[in-house]
């Protein structure tokens, strides 16, 4: 089967690529665009390690063919911060609250948190746990992750940032 020409808008940059039609978005992001912050975990959409935002919605990129992302706006963990040496407030909260151990799940957790806070800037603990339920972590036991989300929600509301 012939390759398919697609355009991916990733983190504000436009990429024109020829891809095999069966390749997943996570494969193209990692292998073709060298955006390795998006992790490959279960490859069945169950672990959340490959979470990206597509047109503002949280998506398991291992379950989406790259051709289905043609002309969509994609945000990966690499595009979240606003500067080279500057962390996004969500990333800062994860560091401050000790919500990172091995870091494998962190990009997916952070992007799922961004999606949650974009939809609901004042979530309850139950809403946070529900929003993160598609992201698996083997290290922290979730307590510190939930605390990080609670802390950044308060901070972003106080700063007037619903980013």
Protein backbone atom coordinates (compact mmCIF):
# COMPACT_ATOMS: atom_id res chain seq x y z
CA UNK A 1 0.00 0.00 0.00
CA UNK A 2 1.26 3.47 -0.84
CA UNK A 3 2.15 6.10 1.70
CA UNK A 4 -0.38 8.84 2.43
CA UNK A 5 0.56 12.52 2.53
CA UNK A 6 -0.69 14.24 5.67
CA UNK A 7 -0.21 17.54 7.46
CA UNK A 8 0.19 17.53 11.22
CA UNK A 9 0.01 20.75 13.20
CA UNK A 10 2.01 19.88 16.32
CA UNK A 11 2.76 22.35 19.09
CA UNK A 12 2.24 25.23 16.68
CA UNK A 13 4.50 23.81 13.98
CA UNK A 14 3.27 22.43 10.66
CA UNK A 15 4.69 19.14 9.34
CA UNK A 16 4.00 17.62 5.94
CA UNK A 17 4.72 13.90 5.96
CA UNK A 18 4.24 10.80 3.86
CA UNK A 19 3.25 7.95 6.19
CA UNK A 20 2.14 4.37 5.89
CA UNK A 21 -1.63 4.39 6.45
CA UNK A 22 -1.46 1.84 9.29
CA UNK A 23 0.95 3.79 11.49
CA UNK A 24 -0.37 5.21 14.72
CA UNK A 25 -0.06 8.82 15.72
CA UNK A 26 2.25 7.97 18.64
CA UNK A 27 4.63 6.20 16.25
CA UNK A 28 4.76 9.18 13.90
CA UNK A 29 5.20 11.67 16.74
CA UNK A 30 8.07 9.69 18.24
CA UNK A 31 9.79 8.21 15.20
CA UNK A 32 9.25 10.85 12.51
CA UNK A 33 9.02 14.08 14.52
CA UNK A 34 11.34 13.01 17.38
CA UNK A 35 8.77 14.11 20.00
CA UNK A 36 9.62 11.36 22.46
CA UNK A 37 7.82 12.85 25.45
CA UNK A 38 4.73 11.01 24.26
CA UNK A 39 5.30 7.49 25.54
CA UNK A 40 4.33 4.11 24.13
CA UNK A 41 2.89 2.01 26.90
CA UNK A 42 0.18 -0.60 26.49
CA UNK A 43 -0.68 0.18 22.83
CA UNK A 44 -4.32 -0.61 23.65
CA UNK A 45 -5.46 2.78 24.96
CA UNK A 46 -5.58 1.61 28.58
CA UNK A 47 -2.54 3.22 30.26
CA UNK A 48 -2.60 6.89 29.15
CA UNK A 49 1.15 7.13 28.55
CA UNK A 50 0.52 8.23 24.96
CA UNK A 51 -2.00 10.96 25.80
CA UNK A 52 -1.94 14.04 23.58
CA UNK A 53 -4.45 16.82 23.02
CA UNK A 54 -6.06 16.94 19.59
CA UNK A 55 -8.09 20.05 18.90
CA UNK A 56 -8.15 20.50 22.68
CA UNK A 57 -9.43 17.01 23.51
CA UNK A 58 -7.54 14.30 25.37
CA UNK A 59 -6.73 11.37 23.04
CA UNK A 60 -4.80 8.11 23.35
CA UNK A 61 -2.45 8.53 20.40
CA UNK A 62 -1.72 4.79 20.27
CA UNK A 63 -5.34 4.22 19.25
CA UNK A 64 -5.42 6.82 16.49
CA UNK A 65 -3.98 6.36 13.06
CA UNK A 66 -1.73 9.22 12.03
CA UNK A 67 -3.82 9.74 8.89
CA UNK A 68 -6.84 10.47 11.12
CA UNK A 69 -4.91 13.39 12.63
CA UNK A 70 -4.45 15.06 9.25
CA UNK A 71 -4.88 18.84 9.60
CA UNK A 72 -5.68 18.57 13.32
CA UNK A 73 -4.04 20.68 16.02
CA UNK A 74 -1.98 18.40 18.23
CA UNK A 75 -0.38 19.33 21.57
CA UNK A 76 2.27 17.11 23.10
CA UNK A 77 4.13 17.52 26.39
CA UNK A 78 6.95 19.27 24.50
CA UNK A 79 4.60 22.08 23.50
CA UNK A 80 3.08 22.72 26.91
CA UNK A 81 5.65 25.08 28.40
CA UNK A 82 5.94 28.62 27.16
CA UNK A 83 9.71 28.85 27.04
CA UNK A 84 12.86 26.80 26.65
CA UNK A 85 13.65 26.72 30.38
CA UNK A 86 10.18 27.44 31.71
CA UNK A 87 7.73 24.85 32.97
CA UNK A 88 3.98 25.11 32.58
CA UNK A 89 2.22 25.64 35.95
CA UNK A 90 0.93 22.05 35.79
CA UNK A 91 4.46 20.74 35.36
CA UNK A 92 5.65 22.96 38.23
CA UNK A 93 2.92 21.61 40.50
CA UNK A 94 3.87 18.01 39.70
CA UNK A 95 7.47 18.77 40.67
CA UNK A 96 6.54 20.74 43.81
CA UNK A 97 4.12 18.07 45.05
CA UNK A 98 6.50 15.17 44.39
CA UNK A 99 4.06 13.70 41.86
CA UNK A 100 6.87 12.43 39.62
CA UNK A 101 8.88 9.32 40.28
CA UNK A 102 10.03 7.38 37.23
CA UNK A 103 8.30 9.93 34.98
CA UNK A 104 6.95 7.49 32.42
CA UNK A 105 3.31 8.34 33.05
CA UNK A 106 3.94 12.03 33.69
CA UNK A 107 3.43 13.44 30.16
CA UNK A 108 0.05 11.73 29.89
CA UNK A 109 -0.93 12.76 33.41
CA UNK A 110 0.04 16.37 32.74
CA UNK A 111 -1.88 16.56 29.45
CA UNK A 112 -4.92 14.87 31.01
CA UNK A 113 -4.72 17.44 33.80
CA UNK A 114 -4.58 20.27 31.26
CA UNK A 115 -7.66 18.90 29.52
CA UNK A 116 -9.48 18.63 32.87
CA UNK A 117 -8.58 22.16 33.98
CA UNK A 118 -9.49 23.61 30.58
CA UNK A 119 -12.95 22.08 31.02
CA UNK A 120 -13.28 22.53 34.79
CA UNK A 121 -10.94 25.01 36.54
CA UNK A 122 -12.29 24.06 39.99
CA UNK A 123 -12.51 20.27 40.08
CA UNK A 124 -13.30 18.24 43.19
CA UNK A 125 -10.99 15.43 44.27
CA UNK A 126 -13.49 12.94 42.84
CA UNK A 127 -13.54 14.77 39.49
CA UNK A 128 -9.72 14.81 39.42
CA UNK A 129 -9.53 11.08 40.13
CA UNK A 130 -12.15 10.39 37.47
CA UNK A 131 -10.34 12.57 34.90
CA UNK A 132 -7.05 10.77 35.56
CA UNK A 133 -8.57 7.29 35.72
CA UNK A 134 -7.36 6.51 32.19
CA UNK A 135 -3.75 7.17 33.20
CA UNK A 136 -1.86 4.45 35.05
CA UNK A 137 1.04 5.11 37.40
CA UNK A 138 3.04 2.36 39.06
CA UNK A 139 5.11 4.61 41.33
CA UNK A 140 3.27 7.31 43.25
CA UNK A 141 0.01 5.72 44.27
CA UNK A 142 -1.84 8.75 42.84
CA UNK A 143 -2.09 10.69 46.12
CA UNK A 144 0.64 13.17 45.18
CA UNK A 145 -0.64 13.43 41.62
CA UNK A 146 -4.11 14.39 42.87
CA UNK A 147 -2.55 16.89 45.29
CA UNK A 148 -0.58 18.41 42.39
CA UNK A 149 -3.75 18.86 40.35
CA UNK A 150 -5.56 20.41 43.32
CA UNK A 151 -2.64 22.79 43.93
CA UNK A 152 -2.30 23.92 40.33
CA UNK A 153 -6.06 24.43 40.01
CA UNK A 154 -5.96 26.82 42.98
CA UNK A 155 -2.86 28.58 41.63
CA UNK A 156 -4.21 28.98 38.11
CA UNK A 157 -7.51 30.37 39.39
CA UNK A 158 -5.64 32.81 41.64
CA UNK A 159 -3.42 33.88 38.74
CA UNK A 160 -6.45 34.19 36.46
CA UNK A 161 -4.99 31.62 34.07
CA UNK A 162 -7.37 29.12 32.61
CA UNK A 163 -4.71 27.98 30.15
